[in-house]
Structures are given as structure tokens and as C-alpha cells.
Amino acid sequence: MNTSPPNARQYNSRLGLILFAIYLILYLGFVFINAFAADWMEKIVLAGLNLAIVYGFALIVIALLLAGVYGLLCRAEPSETSSKQESGQ
């Protein structure tokens, strides 16, 4: 029995766009700091590492986490075979 709603594709698309927007905002923060306050990137913020290194690695880790969240929250698209089996065809 497939418990996936018929609008799974719409839900998945919306979820993907929301997670993309979150990442885009974080990435734009990195770009704008580099463009308009580049000296901030030289400041030591964590364990002897400067902001550029910490922020850059954080972006990579966040991208992986968001991909995992997307994978966990995505709904499966109902297949034709399961739809036919449920309807008795």
C-alpha cells in the first residue's frame, strides 16, 4: 500500500526550493562579506582558523546536511504499478 499523497512532486519541489533558498542566503552572506568587508575574513574565529576557512567549511557541511534533510523529508512519487495494484487492475 502506497501512503504517498498524489501531490508528492509538488511537495518535493517546494521543499527543494525552500532548502535551496536557505543555502543561497548563507552563500550570499559569504560572497557579500568577501566583496564588501574582506578584512573580516582574516579574523581568527575558531581554533586558530580565520573566518574564511570556517565559513567555507561550514557551507560544505550545511550543503550536505540540507541534502540529507531533503532525502529524509522527500515523499515518494506513486508509481503506475502500485496505483494499478491498489485499484485492482
PDB file of N, CA and C in Angstrom:
ATOM      1  N   MET A   1       0.836  -1.181   0.000  1.00  0.00           N
ATOM      2  CA  MET A   1       0.000   0.000   0.000  1.00  0.00           C
ATOM      3  C   MET A   1       0.876   1.237   0.000  1.00  0.00           C
ATOM      4  N   ASN A   2       0.622   2.141  -0.906  1.00  0.00           N
ATOM      5  CA  ASN A   2       1.404   3.363  -1.021  1.00  0.00           C
ATOM      6  C   ASN A   2       0.673   4.483  -0.292  1.00  0.00           C
ATOM      7  N   THR A   3       1.318   5.049   0.726  1.00  0.00           N
ATOM      8  CA  THR A   3       0.687   6.096   1.521  1.00  0.00           C
ATOM      9  C   THR A   3       1.065   7.488   1.040  1.00  0.00           C
ATOM     10  N   SER A   4       1.762   7.584  -0.069  1.00  0.00           N
ATOM     11  CA  SER A   4       2.214   8.863  -0.575  1.00  0.00           C
ATOM     12  C   SER A   4       1.053   9.647  -1.173  1.00  0.00           C
ATOM     13  N   PRO A   5       0.979  10.938  -0.858  1.00  0.00           N
ATOM     14  CA  PRO A   5      -0.112  11.746  -1.408  1.00  0.00           C
ATOM     15  C   PRO A   5       0.083  11.973  -2.900  1.00  0.00           C
ATOM     16  N   PRO A   6      -1.003  12.269  -3.621  1.00  0.00           N
ATOM     17  CA  PRO A   6      -0.874  12.452  -5.071  1.00  0.00           C
ATOM     18  C   PRO A   6      -0.063  13.677  -5.465  1.00  0.00           C
ATOM     19  N   ASN A   7       0.115  14.630  -4.578  1.00  0.00           N
ATOM     20  CA  ASN A   7       0.880  15.819  -4.903  1.00  0.00           C
ATOM     21  C   ASN A   7       2.311  15.756  -4.362  1.00  0.00           C
ATOM     22  N   ALA A   8       2.888  14.585  -4.337  1.00  0.00           N
ATOM     23  CA  ALA A   8       4.244  14.413  -3.809  1.00  0.00           C
ATOM     24  C   ALA A   8       5.263  15.214  -4.609  1.00  0.00           C
ATOM     25  N   ARG A   9       5.099  15.271  -5.915  1.00  0.00           N
ATOM     26  CA  ARG A   9       6.051  16.011  -6.749  1.00  0.00           C
ATOM     27  C   ARG A   9       6.041  17.497  -6.390  1.00  0.00           C
ATOM     28  N   GLN A  10       4.856  18.034  -6.163  1.00  0.00           N
ATOM     29  CA  GLN A  10       4.741  19.450  -5.798  1.00  0.00           C
ATOM     30  C   GLN A  10       5.386  19.694  -4.426  1.00  0.00           C
ATOM     31  N   TYR A  11       5.136  18.808  -3.472  1.00  0.00           N
ATOM     32  CA  TYR A  11       5.740  18.918  -2.148  1.00  0.00           C
ATOM     33  C   TYR A  11       7.267  18.861  -2.238  1.00  0.00           C
ATOM     34  N   ASN A  12       7.799  17.905  -3.003  1.00  0.00           N
ATOM     35  CA  ASN A  12       9.239  17.748  -3.144  1.00  0.00           C
ATOM     36  C   ASN A  12       9.861  18.974  -3.799  1.00  0.00           C
ATOM     37  N   SER A  13       9.190  19.513  -4.803  1.00  0.00           N
ATOM     38  CA  SER A  13       9.705  20.711  -5.473  1.00  0.00           C
ATOM     39  C   SER A  13       9.750  21.891  -4.520  1.00  0.00           C
ATOM     40  N   ARG A  14       8.663  22.065  -3.777  1.00  0.00           N
ATOM     41  CA  ARG A  14       8.615  23.181  -2.827  1.00  0.00           C
ATOM     42  C   ARG A  14       9.687  23.018  -1.740  1.00  0.00           C
ATOM     43  N   LEU A  15       9.837  21.816  -1.228  1.00  0.00           N
ATOM     44  CA  LEU A  15      10.853  21.546  -0.216  1.00  0.00           C
ATOM     45  C   LEU A  15      12.247  21.842  -0.762  1.00  0.00           C
ATOM     46  N   GLY A  16      12.514  21.390  -1.983  1.00  0.00           N
ATOM     47  CA  GLY A  16      13.809  21.656  -2.599  1.00  0.00           C
ATOM     48  C   GLY A  16      14.081  23.138  -2.761  1.00  0.00           C
ATOM     49  N   LEU A  17      13.071  23.891  -3.160  1.00  0.00           N
ATOM     50  CA  LEU A  17      13.244  25.339  -3.327  1.00  0.00           C
ATOM     51  C   LEU A  17      13.465  26.041  -1.993  1.00  0.00           C
ATOM     52  N   ILE A  18      12.785  25.597  -0.954  1.00  0.00           N
ATOM     53  CA  ILE A  18      12.979  26.197   0.372  1.00  0.00           C
ATOM     54  C   ILE A  18      14.398  25.933   0.876  1.00  0.00           C
ATOM     55  N   LEU A  19      14.852  24.694   0.748  1.00  0.00           N
ATOM     56  CA  LEU A  19      16.209  24.367   1.198  1.00  0.00           C
ATOM     57  C   LEU A  19      17.259  25.083   0.357  1.00  0.00           C
ATOM     58  N   PHE A  20      16.994  25.222  -0.945  1.00  0.00           N
ATOM     59  CA  PHE A  20      17.901  25.969  -1.812  1.00  0.00           C
ATOM     60  C   PHE A  20      17.962  27.429  -1.393  1.00  0.00           C
ATOM     61  N   ALA A  21      16.820  28.020  -1.063  1.00  0.00           N
ATOM     62  CA  ALA A  21      16.790  29.421  -0.639  1.00  0.00           C
ATOM     63  C   ALA A  21      17.586  29.615   0.652  1.00  0.00           C
ATOM     64  N   ILE A  22      17.466  28.673   1.576  1.00  0.00           N
ATOM     65  CA  ILE A  22      18.248  28.746   2.823  1.00  0.00           C
ATOM     66  C   ILE A  22      19.737  28.739   2.506  1.00  0.00           C
ATOM     67  N   TYR A  23      20.153  27.808   1.649  1.00  0.00           N
ATOM     68  CA  TYR A  23      21.570  27.723   1.308  1.00  0.00           C
ATOM     69  C   TYR A  23      22.028  28.965   0.548  1.00  0.00           C
ATOM     70  N   LEU A  24      21.189  29.461  -0.339  1.00  0.00           N
ATOM     71  CA  LEU A  24      21.539  30.643  -1.126  1.00  0.00           C
ATOM     72  C   LEU A  24      21.782  31.847  -0.230  1.00  0.00           C
ATOM     73  N   ILE A  25      20.951  32.027   0.781  1.00  0.00           N
ATOM     74  CA  ILE A  25      21.137  33.137   1.715  1.00  0.00           C
ATOM     75  C   ILE A  25      22.474  33.012   2.440  1.00  0.00           C
ATOM     76  N   LEU A  26      22.794  31.809   2.903  1.00  0.00           N
ATOM     77  CA  LEU A  26      24.074  31.590   3.590  1.00  0.00           C
ATOM     78  C   LEU A  26      25.255  31.847   2.653  1.00  0.00           C
ATOM     79  N   TYR A  27      25.136  31.374   1.410  1.00  0.00           N
ATOM     80  CA  TYR A  27      26.212  31.566   0.441  1.00  0.00           C
ATOM     81  C   TYR A  27      26.366  33.040   0.077  1.00  0.00           C
ATOM     82  N   LEU A  28      25.241  33.736  -0.094  1.00  0.00           N
ATOM     83  CA  LEU A  28      25.329  35.161  -0.405  1.00  0.00           C
ATOM     84  C   LEU A  28      25.989  35.934   0.732  1.00  0.00           C
ATOM     85  N   GLY A  29      25.765  35.501   1.962  1.00  0.00           N
ATOM     86  CA  GLY A  29      26.462  36.118   3.093  1.00  0.00           C
ATOM     87  C   GLY A  29      27.966  35.997   2.936  1.00  0.00           C
ATOM     88  N   PHE A  30      28.419  34.819   2.542  1.00  0.00           N
ATOM     89  CA  PHE A  30      29.846  34.590   2.313  1.00  0.00           C
ATOM     90  C   PHE A  30      30.376  35.497   1.203  1.00  0.00           C
ATOM     91  N   VAL A  31      29.648  35.571   0.112  1.00  0.00           N
ATOM     92  CA  VAL A  31      30.073  36.389  -1.035  1.00  0.00           C
ATOM     93  C   VAL A  31      30.092  37.868  -0.671  1.00  0.00           C
ATOM     94  N   PHE A  32      29.043  38.344   0.011  1.00  0.00           N
ATOM     95  CA  PHE A  32      28.982  39.761   0.355  1.00  0.00           C
ATOM     96  C   PHE A  32      30.054  40.151   1.361  1.00  0.00           C
ATOM     97  N   ILE A  33      30.347  39.283   2.304  1.00  0.00           N
ATOM     98  CA  ILE A  33      31.446  39.575   3.233  1.00  0.00           C
ATOM     99  C   ILE A  33      32.751  39.708   2.468  1.00  0.00           C
ATOM    100  N   ASN A  34      32.994  38.797   1.529  1.00  0.00           N
ATOM    101  CA  ASN A  34      34.215  38.871   0.736  1.00  0.00           C
ATOM    102  C   ASN A  34      34.255  40.113  -0.139  1.00  0.00           C
ATOM    103  N   ALA A  35      33.116  40.525  -0.651  1.00  0.00           N
ATOM    104  CA  ALA A  35      33.077  41.667  -1.563  1.00  0.00           C
ATOM    105  C   ALA A  35      33.163  43.007  -0.834  1.00  0.00           C
ATOM    106  N   PHE A  36      32.497  43.114   0.307  1.00  0.00           N
ATOM    107  CA  PHE A  36      32.383  44.425   0.941  1.00  0.00           C
ATOM    108  C   PHE A  36      33.103  44.569   2.275  1.00  0.00           C
ATOM    109  N   ALA A  37      33.547  43.495   2.862  1.00  0.00           N
ATOM    110  CA  ALA A  37      34.270  43.557   4.137  1.00  0.00           C
ATOM    111  C   ALA A  37      35.301  42.439   4.176  1.00  0.00           C
ATOM    112  N   ALA A  38      36.154  42.415   3.180  1.00  0.00           N
ATOM    113  CA  ALA A  38      37.114  41.318   3.039  1.00  0.00           C
ATOM    114  C   ALA A  38      38.034  41.178   4.253  1.00  0.00           C
ATOM    115  N   ASP A  39      38.286  42.268   4.943  1.00  0.00           N
ATOM    116  CA  ASP A  39      39.164  42.191   6.122  1.00  0.00           C
ATOM    117  C   ASP A  39      38.548  41.338   7.238  1.00  0.00           C
ATOM    118  N   TRP A  40      37.227  41.187   7.262  1.00  0.00           N
ATOM    119  CA  TRP A  40      36.587  40.318   8.256  1.00  0.00           C
ATOM    120  C   TRP A  40      37.025  38.873   8.086  1.00  0.00           C
ATOM    121  N   MET A  41      37.294  38.480   6.857  1.00  0.00           N
ATOM    122  CA  MET A  41      37.655  37.089   6.588  1.00  0.00           C
ATOM    123  C   MET A  41      39.006  36.706   7.189  1.00  0.00           C
ATOM    124  N   GLU A  42      39.814  37.696   7.540  1.00  0.00           N
ATOM    125  CA  GLU A  42      41.134  37.426   8.125  1.00  0.00           C
ATOM    126  C   GLU A  42      41.076  37.205   9.634  1.00  0.00           C
ATOM    127  N   LYS A  43      39.965  37.541  10.253  1.00  0.00           N
ATOM    128  CA  LYS A  43      39.853  37.427  11.708  1.00  0.00           C
ATOM    129  C   LYS A  43      39.825  35.967  12.136  1.00  0.00           C
ATOM    130  N   ILE A  44      40.573  35.666  13.181  1.00  0.00           N
ATOM    131  CA  ILE A  44      40.610  34.322  13.751  1.00  0.00           C
ATOM    132  C   ILE A  44      39.325  34.122  14.565  1.00  0.00           C
ATOM    133  N   VAL A  45      38.577  33.063  14.232  1.00  0.00           N
ATOM    134  CA  VAL A  45      37.296  32.853  14.911  1.00  0.00           C
ATOM    135  C   VAL A  45      37.200  31.523  15.650  1.00  0.00           C
ATOM    136  N   LEU A  46      37.972  30.526  15.245  1.00  0.00           N
ATOM    137  CA  LEU A  46      37.819  29.208  15.858  1.00  0.00           C
ATOM    138  C   LEU A  46      39.113  28.415  15.728  1.00  0.00           C
ATOM    139  N   ALA A  47      39.678  28.030  16.839  1.00  0.00           N
ATOM    140  CA  ALA A  47      40.852  27.144  16.881  1.00  0.00           C
ATOM    141  C   ALA A  47      41.989  27.605  15.964  1.00  0.00           C
ATOM    142  N   GLY A  48      42.217  28.893  15.919  1.00  0.00           N
ATOM    143  CA  GLY A  48      43.305  29.424  15.104  1.00  0.00           C
ATOM    144  C   GLY A  48      42.979  29.547  13.625  1.00  0.00           C
ATOM    145  N   LEU A  49      41.742  29.279  13.252  1.00  0.00           N
ATOM    146  CA  LEU A  49      41.332  29.372  11.849  1.00  0.00           C
ATOM    147  C   LEU A  49      40.595  30.686  11.613  1.00  0.00           C
ATOM    148  N   ASN A  50      40.812  31.247  10.427  1.00  0.00           N
ATOM    149  CA  ASN A  50      40.142  32.503  10.130  1.00  0.00           C
ATOM    150  C   ASN A  50      38.706  32.257   9.652  1.00  0.00           C
ATOM    151  N   LEU A  51      37.950  33.358   9.568  1.00  0.00           N
ATOM    152  CA  LEU A  51      36.537  33.270   9.204  1.00  0.00           C
ATOM    153  C   LEU A  51      36.344  32.662   7.823  1.00  0.00           C
ATOM    154  N   ALA A  52      37.229  32.950   6.881  1.00  0.00           N
ATOM    155  CA  ALA A  52      37.088  32.414   5.527  1.00  0.00           C
ATOM    156  C   ALA A  52      37.096  30.887   5.538  1.00  0.00           C
ATOM    157  N   ILE A  53      38.014  30.298   6.272  1.00  0.00           N
ATOM    158  CA  ILE A  53      38.108  28.838   6.331  1.00  0.00           C
ATOM    159  C   ILE A  53      36.904  28.246   7.056  1.00  0.00           C
ATOM    160  N   VAL A  54      36.557  28.812   8.190  1.00  0.00           N
ATOM    161  CA  VAL A  54      35.443  28.285   8.978  1.00  0.00           C
ATOM    162  C   VAL A  54      34.133  28.416   8.203  1.00  0.00           C
ATOM    163  N   TYR A  55      33.887  29.577   7.607  1.00  0.00           N
ATOM    164  CA  TYR A  55      32.653  29.802   6.854  1.00  0.00           C
ATOM    165  C   TYR A  55      32.603  28.887   5.628  1.00  0.00           C
ATOM    166  N   GLY A  56      33.727  28.743   4.933  1.00  0.00           N
ATOM    167  CA  GLY A  56      33.773  27.884   3.756  1.00  0.00           C
ATOM    168  C   GLY A  56      33.476  26.431   4.082  1.00  0.00           C
ATOM    169  N   PHE A  57      34.090  25.912   5.134  1.00  0.00           N
ATOM    170  CA  PHE A  57      33.817  24.536   5.538  1.00  0.00           C
ATOM    171  C   PHE A  57      32.391  24.390   6.056  1.00  0.00           C
ATOM    172  N   ALA A  58      31.902  25.421   6.749  1.00  0.00           N
ATOM    173  CA  ALA A  58      30.519  25.378   7.235  1.00  0.00           C
ATOM    174  C   ALA A  58      29.542  25.296   6.060  1.00  0.00           C
ATOM    175  N   LEU A  59      29.825  26.008   4.976  1.00  0.00           N
ATOM    176  CA  LEU A  59      28.967  25.934   3.797  1.00  0.00           C
ATOM    177  C   LEU A  59      28.932  24.519   3.222  1.00  0.00           C
ATOM    178  N   ILE A  60      30.065  23.863   3.208  1.00  0.00           N
ATOM    179  CA  ILE A  60      30.118  22.495   2.695  1.00  0.00           C
ATOM    180  C   ILE A  60      29.312  21.554   3.587  1.00  0.00           C
ATOM    181  N   VAL A  61      29.511  21.669   4.885  1.00  0.00           N
ATOM    182  CA  VAL A  61      28.796  20.806   5.833  1.00  0.00           C
ATOM    183  C   VAL A  61      27.295  21.075   5.780  1.00  0.00           C
ATOM    184  N   ILE A  62      26.916  22.340   5.696  1.00  0.00           N
ATOM    185  CA  ILE A  62      25.497  22.691   5.626  1.00  0.00           C
ATOM    186  C   ILE A  62      24.874  22.149   4.350  1.00  0.00           C
ATOM    187  N   ALA A  63      25.602  22.198   3.238  1.00  0.00           N
ATOM    188  CA  ALA A  63      25.077  21.645   1.983  1.00  0.00           C
ATOM    189  C   ALA A  63      24.801  20.153   2.128  1.00  0.00           C
ATOM    190  N   LEU A  64      25.701  19.444   2.767  1.00  0.00           N
ATOM    191  CA  LEU A  64      25.494  18.013   2.985  1.00  0.00           C
ATOM    192  C   LEU A  64      24.314  17.746   3.923  1.00  0.00           C
ATOM    193  N   LEU A  65      24.195  18.547   4.973  1.00  0.00           N
ATOM    194  CA  LEU A  65      23.079  18.393   5.896  1.00  0.00           C
ATOM    195  C   LEU A  65      21.736  18.680   5.215  1.00  0.00           C
ATOM    196  N   LEU A  66      21.687  19.731   4.416  1.00  0.00           N
ATOM    197  CA  LEU A  66      20.451  20.058   3.707  1.00  0.00           C
ATOM    198  C   LEU A  66      20.080  18.961   2.708  1.00  0.00           C
ATOM    199  N   ALA A  67      21.081  18.372   2.073  1.00  0.00           N
ATOM    200  CA  ALA A  67      20.803  17.254   1.162  1.00  0.00           C
ATOM    201  C   ALA A  67      20.228  16.074   1.943  1.00  0.00           C
ATOM    202  N   GLY A  68      20.753  15.822   3.125  1.00  0.00           N
ATOM    203  CA  GLY A  68      20.223  14.753   3.965  1.00  0.00           C
ATOM    204  C   GLY A  68      18.803  15.038   4.421  1.00  0.00           C
ATOM    205  N   VAL A  69      18.539  16.280   4.807  1.00  0.00           N
ATOM    206  CA  VAL A  69      17.189  16.675   5.201  1.00  0.00           C
ATOM    207  C   VAL A  69      16.228  16.489   4.035  1.00  0.00           C
ATOM    208  N   TYR A  70      16.657  16.886   2.843  1.00  0.00           N
ATOM    209  CA  TYR A  70      15.814  16.721   1.660  1.00  0.00           C
ATOM    210  C   TYR A  70      15.525  15.236   1.421  1.00  0.00           C
ATOM    211  N   GLY A  71      16.548  14.411   1.531  1.00  0.00           N
ATOM    212  CA  GLY A  71      16.365  12.979   1.326  1.00  0.00           C
ATOM    213  C   GLY A  71      15.422  12.355   2.342  1.00  0.00           C
ATOM    214  N   LEU A  72      15.485  12.828   3.584  1.00  0.00           N
ATOM    215  CA  LEU A  72      14.605  12.290   4.627  1.00  0.00           C
ATOM    216  C   LEU A  72      13.165  12.772   4.486  1.00  0.00           C
ATOM    217  N   LEU A  73      12.991  14.016   4.068  1.00  0.00           N
ATOM    218  CA  LEU A  73      11.649  14.587   4.019  1.00  0.00           C
ATOM    219  C   LEU A  73      10.939  14.408   2.683  1.00  0.00           C
ATOM    220  N   CYS A  74      11.678  13.986   1.666  1.00  0.00           N
ATOM    221  CA  CYS A  74      11.074  13.810   0.341  1.00  0.00           C
ATOM    222  C   CYS A  74      10.039  12.698   0.385  1.00  0.00           C
ATOM    223  N   ARG A  75       8.982  12.896  -0.338  1.00  0.00           N
ATOM    224  CA  ARG A  75       7.946  11.871  -0.442  1.00  0.00           C
ATOM    225  C   ARG A  75       8.111  11.135  -1.751  1.00  0.00           C
ATOM    226  N   ALA A  76       7.861   9.843  -1.714  1.00  0.00           N
ATOM    227  CA  ALA A  76       7.983   9.019  -2.915  1.00  0.00           C
ATOM    228  C   ALA A  76       6.817   9.298  -3.852  1.00  0.00           C
ATOM    229  N   GLU A  77       7.130   9.351  -5.115  1.00  0.00           N
ATOM    230  CA  GLU A  77       6.110   9.523  -6.149  1.00  0.00           C
ATOM    231  C   GLU A  77       5.410   8.188  -6.340  1.00  0.00           C
ATOM    232  N   PRO A  78       4.082   8.167  -6.340  1.00  0.00           N
ATOM    233  CA  PRO A  78       3.404   6.890  -6.557  1.00  0.00           C
ATOM    234  C   PRO A  78       3.692   6.376  -7.959  1.00  0.00           C
ATOM    235  N   SER A  79       4.040   5.101  -8.053  1.00  0.00           N
ATOM    236  CA  SER A  79       4.337   4.522  -9.361  1.00  0.00           C
ATOM    237  C   SER A  79       3.054   4.012  -9.996  1.00  0.00           C
ATOM    238  N   GLU A  80       3.092   3.822 -11.317  1.00  0.00           N
ATOM    239  CA  GLU A  80       1.906   3.331 -12.038  1.00  0.00           C
ATOM    240  C   GLU A  80       1.546   1.912 -11.600  1.00  0.00           C
ATOM    241  N   THR A  81       2.545   1.081 -11.362  1.00  0.00           N
ATOM    242  CA  THR A  81       2.267  -0.311 -10.998  1.00  0.00           C
ATOM    243  C   THR A  81       1.588  -0.379  -9.634  1.00  0.00           C
ATOM    244  N   SER A  82       2.045   0.432  -8.675  1.00  0.00           N
ATOM    245  CA  SER A  82       1.411   0.385  -7.354  1.00  0.00           C
ATOM    246  C   SER A  82       0.007   0.966  -7.419  1.00  0.00           C
ATOM    247  N   SER A  83      -0.214   1.968  -8.276  1.00  0.00           N
ATOM    248  CA  SER A  83      -1.556   2.533  -8.432  1.00  0.00           C
ATOM    249  C   SER A  83      -2.502   1.514  -9.027  1.00  0.00           C
ATOM    250  N   LYS A  84      -2.021   0.752 -10.007  1.00  0.00           N
ATOM    251  CA  LYS A  84      -2.860  -0.264 -10.631  1.00  0.00           C
ATOM    252  C   LYS A  84      -3.158  -1.398  -9.668  1.00  0.00           C
ATOM    253  N   GLN A  85      -2.166  -1.768  -8.833  1.00  0.00           N
ATOM    254  CA  GLN A  85      -2.373  -2.848  -7.873  1.00  0.00           C
ATOM    255  C   GLN A  85      -3.391  -2.436  -6.823  1.00  0.00           C
ATOM    256  N   GLU A  86      -3.342  -1.165  -6.400  1.00  0.00           N
ATOM    257  CA  GLU A  86      -4.277  -0.688  -5.390  1.00  0.00           C
ATOM    258  C   GLU A  86      -5.694  -0.625  -5.933  1.00  0.00           C
ATOM    259  N   SER A  87      -5.832  -0.308  -7.222  1.00  0.00           N
ATOM    260  CA  SER A  87      -7.170  -0.202  -7.782  1.00  0.00           C
ATOM    261  C   SER A  87      -7.714  -1.549  -8.264  1.00  0.00           C
ATOM    262  N   GLY A  88      -6.881  -2.586  -8.217  1.00  0.00           N
ATOM    263  CA  GLY A  88      -7.305  -3.931  -8.566  1.00  0.00           C
ATOM    264  C   GLY A  88      -7.195  -4.255 -10.045  1.00  0.00           C
ATOM    265  N   GLN A  89      -6.437  -3.495 -10.801  1.00  0.00           N
ATOM    266  CA  GLN A  89      -6.299  -3.741 -12.249  1.00  0.00           C
ATOM    267  C   GLN A  89      -5.141  -4.658 -12.535  1.00  0.00           C
TER     268      GLN A  89
END
